[in-house]
Amino acid sequence: MDPVAAGAGVVRAARRGPLAGQLSAWRKRTNHVEKVCVFNKTRQAFLSLGVTVADGHLSRLLGLLGKRKLRSDEGLWMIPSAGIHTIGVLFPIDVIYLNEQAQVIHLIENLGPCRIAPVRAQCHSVLELPVRTIYTSQTHVGDELLICSAQEMEIHWRAQQVRKEPQRHEAAPVSERLRCELTEE
């Protein structure tokens, strides 16, 4: 990709709101790697590990055209987008509408080929994922998603583990007391 065009894309992305600001910051850190992970923070479930970012006119226009199906770890993140269609797409998909804070505002399970999905005014971006992704991840309206690179996902997981470790250390004395009480009887 032409560096000038890439820079212009970052400038355009920075003008679209908080989520797009995160996208432009993400691009600077990752040198615009086009695959991201999608994690449901509310349900603690992965939706996909290989979602392609479609933030340019051409990438959004082409979307899923030319694909025969989506693998379970694939998807497309259309940003910005308030709605999508599956005209020319040969397979059904699950659709997740997100606001600027990456919260789920609308869900469509099993949107068939040659369909036009509703447009949502509050929507800032749309995730197109394989069928049954919404069901298997138990994603609901209001859930908060984390969309980031694999490296950022690893950092998130490590931070989660650090938060849980103090709870483990606090629980140890309680089990010690229980063990002492049982041995005394």
Protein backbone atom coordinates (compact mmCIF):
# COMPACT_ATOMS: atom_id res chain seq x y z
CA MET A 1 0.00 0.00 0.00
CA ASP A 2 1.19 3.52 -0.83
CA PRO A 3 2.46 5.26 2.36
CA VAL A 4 0.74 8.52 1.38
CA ALA A 5 -2.59 6.73 0.94
CA ALA A 6 -2.07 4.92 4.26
CA GLY A 7 -1.42 8.24 6.01
CA ALA A 8 -4.55 9.75 4.47
CA GLY A 9 -6.54 6.76 5.74
CA VAL A 10 -5.29 7.33 9.28
CA VAL A 11 -6.28 11.00 9.08
CA ARG A 12 -9.76 10.08 7.81
CA ALA A 13 -10.12 7.45 10.55
CA ALA A 14 -9.14 9.93 13.26
CA ARG A 15 -12.04 12.19 12.25
CA ARG A 16 -14.73 9.52 12.74
CA GLY A 17 -15.00 9.39 16.55
CA PRO A 18 -13.51 7.54 19.54
CA LEU A 19 -13.58 4.03 18.07
CA ALA A 20 -11.95 5.26 14.88
CA GLY A 21 -9.36 7.07 16.98
CA GLN A 22 -8.53 3.73 18.55
CA LEU A 23 -8.28 2.26 15.06
CA SER A 24 -5.79 4.92 13.93
CA ALA A 25 -3.74 4.45 17.12
CA TRP A 26 -3.86 0.69 16.55
CA ARG A 27 -2.57 1.20 12.99
CA LYS A 28 0.39 3.23 14.19
CA ARG A 29 1.34 0.51 16.71
CA THR A 30 0.88 -2.46 14.36
CA ASN A 31 1.96 -0.98 11.02
CA HIS A 32 -1.57 -1.57 9.71
CA VAL A 33 -1.84 -5.33 10.07
CA GLU A 34 -5.26 -6.04 8.63
CA LYS A 35 -6.34 -8.84 11.01
CA VAL A 36 -7.82 -8.18 14.45
CA CYS A 37 -9.24 -10.28 17.29
CA VAL A 38 -12.78 -9.76 18.56
CA PHE A 39 -13.47 -10.56 22.22
CA ASN A 40 -16.73 -10.13 24.13
CA LYS A 41 -15.61 -8.57 27.43
CA THR A 42 -19.08 -8.92 28.96
CA ARG A 43 -19.39 -12.67 28.30
CA GLN A 44 -15.64 -13.43 28.34
CA ALA A 45 -15.84 -15.15 24.94
CA PHE A 46 -13.93 -14.87 21.67
CA LEU A 47 -15.99 -14.16 18.57
CA SER A 48 -13.13 -14.38 16.08
CA LEU A 49 -9.34 -14.32 15.88
CA GLY A 50 -8.95 -13.29 12.23
CA VAL A 51 -11.27 -10.41 11.37
CA THR A 52 -10.21 -8.30 8.40
CA VAL A 53 -10.53 -4.52 8.76
CA ALA A 54 -12.47 -2.89 5.90
CA ASP A 55 -12.10 0.85 6.40
CA GLY A 56 -11.40 2.10 2.89
CA HIS A 57 -13.93 2.71 0.12
CA LEU A 58 -12.73 -0.22 -1.97
CA SER A 59 -12.43 -2.70 0.90
CA ARG A 60 -15.95 -1.82 2.14
CA LEU A 61 -17.33 -1.99 -1.41
CA LEU A 62 -15.87 -5.45 -2.03
CA GLY A 63 -16.66 -6.75 1.47
CA LEU A 64 -17.18 -10.53 1.32
CA LEU A 65 -17.63 -10.68 -2.47
CA GLY A 66 -15.63 -13.48 -4.04
CA LYS A 67 -15.57 -15.67 -0.95
CA ARG A 68 -17.32 -19.03 -1.03
CA LYS A 69 -17.70 -19.19 2.76
CA LEU A 70 -16.27 -17.83 6.01
CA ARG A 71 -14.14 -20.08 8.19
CA SER A 72 -14.94 -20.07 11.90
CA ASP A 73 -12.01 -17.73 12.65
CA GLU A 74 -12.70 -15.22 9.85
CA GLY A 75 -14.84 -12.13 9.59
CA LEU A 76 -15.02 -8.57 8.33
CA TRP A 77 -15.13 -5.34 10.37
CA MET A 78 -16.76 -2.58 8.31
CA ILE A 79 -15.77 0.82 9.73
CA PRO A 80 -17.53 3.20 9.35
CA SER A 81 -20.83 1.57 8.50
CA ALA A 82 -24.45 1.92 9.60
CA GLY A 83 -25.73 -1.11 7.67
CA ILE A 84 -24.77 -3.78 5.16
CA HIS A 85 -26.17 -6.01 2.42
CA THR A 86 -25.41 -9.52 1.24
CA ILE A 87 -26.14 -8.97 -2.45
CA GLY A 88 -23.56 -11.07 -4.29
CA VAL A 89 -22.55 -12.96 -1.14
CA LEU A 90 -23.08 -16.71 -1.54
CA PHE A 91 -23.57 -17.72 2.11
CA PRO A 92 -25.42 -16.56 5.25
CA ILE A 93 -23.62 -14.52 7.95
CA ASP A 94 -24.12 -13.21 11.48
CA VAL A 95 -24.11 -9.41 11.77
CA ILE A 96 -23.22 -7.34 14.83
CA TYR A 97 -23.81 -3.57 14.87
CA LEU A 98 -21.52 -1.56 17.17
CA ASN A 99 -21.61 2.01 18.47
CA GLU A 100 -18.50 4.20 18.88
CA GLN A 101 -17.66 2.57 22.24
CA ALA A 102 -17.72 -0.94 20.68
CA GLN A 103 -20.98 -1.83 22.43
CA VAL A 104 -23.42 -4.12 20.65
CA ILE A 105 -26.53 -2.17 19.59
CA HIS A 106 -28.17 -4.68 17.23
CA LEU A 107 -27.74 -8.33 16.20
CA ILE A 108 -28.81 -10.32 13.17
CA GLU A 109 -28.29 -14.06 13.18
CA ASN A 110 -28.16 -16.01 9.92
CA LEU A 111 -28.65 -13.13 7.44
CA GLY A 112 -29.12 -14.94 4.14
CA PRO A 113 -27.64 -14.15 0.73
CA CYS A 114 -29.15 -11.32 -1.35
CA ARG A 115 -30.59 -9.50 1.68
CA ILE A 116 -30.41 -5.90 2.83
CA ALA A 117 -29.85 -5.49 6.56
CA PRO A 118 -31.48 -2.56 8.36
CA VAL A 119 -29.59 0.70 8.75
CA ARG A 120 -29.06 1.80 12.37
CA ALA A 121 -28.44 5.52 12.89
CA GLN A 122 -26.48 4.95 16.14
CA CYS A 123 -24.24 2.39 14.46
CA HIS A 124 -20.60 3.25 13.91
CA SER A 125 -19.28 -0.08 12.60
CA VAL A 126 -20.52 -3.54 11.65
CA LEU A 127 -18.99 -6.99 12.17
CA GLU A 128 -19.77 -9.67 9.58
CA LEU A 129 -19.05 -13.09 11.07
CA PRO A 130 -19.72 -16.77 10.29
CA VAL A 131 -23.17 -18.15 11.08
CA ARG A 132 -23.66 -19.27 14.73
CA THR A 133 -20.95 -16.94 16.05
CA ILE A 134 -23.54 -14.89 17.95
CA TYR A 135 -25.14 -18.04 19.35
CA THR A 136 -21.93 -19.78 20.41
CA SER A 137 -20.49 -16.65 22.06
CA GLN A 138 -23.85 -15.82 23.71
CA THR A 139 -23.48 -12.20 22.54
CA HIS A 140 -26.40 -9.90 23.42
CA VAL A 141 -27.32 -6.27 22.83
CA GLY A 142 -25.43 -4.12 25.33
CA ASP A 143 -22.33 -6.35 25.48
CA GLU A 144 -18.96 -4.61 25.22
CA LEU A 145 -16.52 -5.93 22.64
CA LEU A 146 -12.76 -5.59 22.53
CA ILE A 147 -11.39 -5.32 18.98
CA CYS A 148 -7.61 -5.31 18.83
CA SER A 149 -4.48 -6.94 17.45
CA ALA A 150 -3.24 -10.29 18.76
CA GLN A 151 -0.47 -8.55 20.73
CA GLU A 152 -2.97 -6.24 22.44
CA MET A 153 -5.18 -9.23 23.22
CA GLU A 154 -2.24 -10.93 24.93
CA ILE A 155 -1.64 -7.80 27.02
CA HIS A 156 -5.34 -7.75 27.95
CA TRP A 157 -5.20 -11.39 29.08
CA ARG A 158 -2.09 -10.79 31.18
CA ALA A 159 -3.75 -7.80 32.84
CA GLN A 160 -6.77 -9.99 33.65
CA GLN A 161 -4.51 -12.61 35.26
CA VAL A 162 -2.72 -9.98 37.36
CA ARG A 163 -6.10 -8.73 38.65
CA LYS A 164 -7.13 -12.27 39.61
CA GLU A 165 -3.88 -13.17 41.44
CA PRO A 166 -4.49 -10.98 44.53
CA GLN A 167 -7.85 -12.73 45.00
CA ARG A 168 -6.06 -16.09 45.03
CA HIS A 169 -3.61 -14.90 47.69
CA GLU A 170 -6.46 -13.58 49.87
CA ALA A 171 -8.31 -16.90 49.57
CA ALA A 172 -5.33 -18.93 50.86
CA PRO A 173 -5.66 -17.86 54.52
CA VAL A 174 -9.37 -18.79 54.51
CA SER A 175 -8.57 -22.32 53.33
CA GLU A 176 -5.83 -22.49 55.97
CA ARG A 177 -8.37 -21.57 58.67
CA LEU A 178 -10.82 -24.18 57.38
CA ARG A 179 -8.08 -26.81 57.36
CA CYS A 180 -7.15 -25.90 60.95
CA GLU A 181 -10.80 -26.03 62.08
CA LEU A 182 -11.28 -29.47 60.52
CA THR A 183 -8.13 -30.86 62.11
CA GLU A 184 -9.13 -29.52 65.55
CA GLU A 185 -12.42 -31.44 65.49
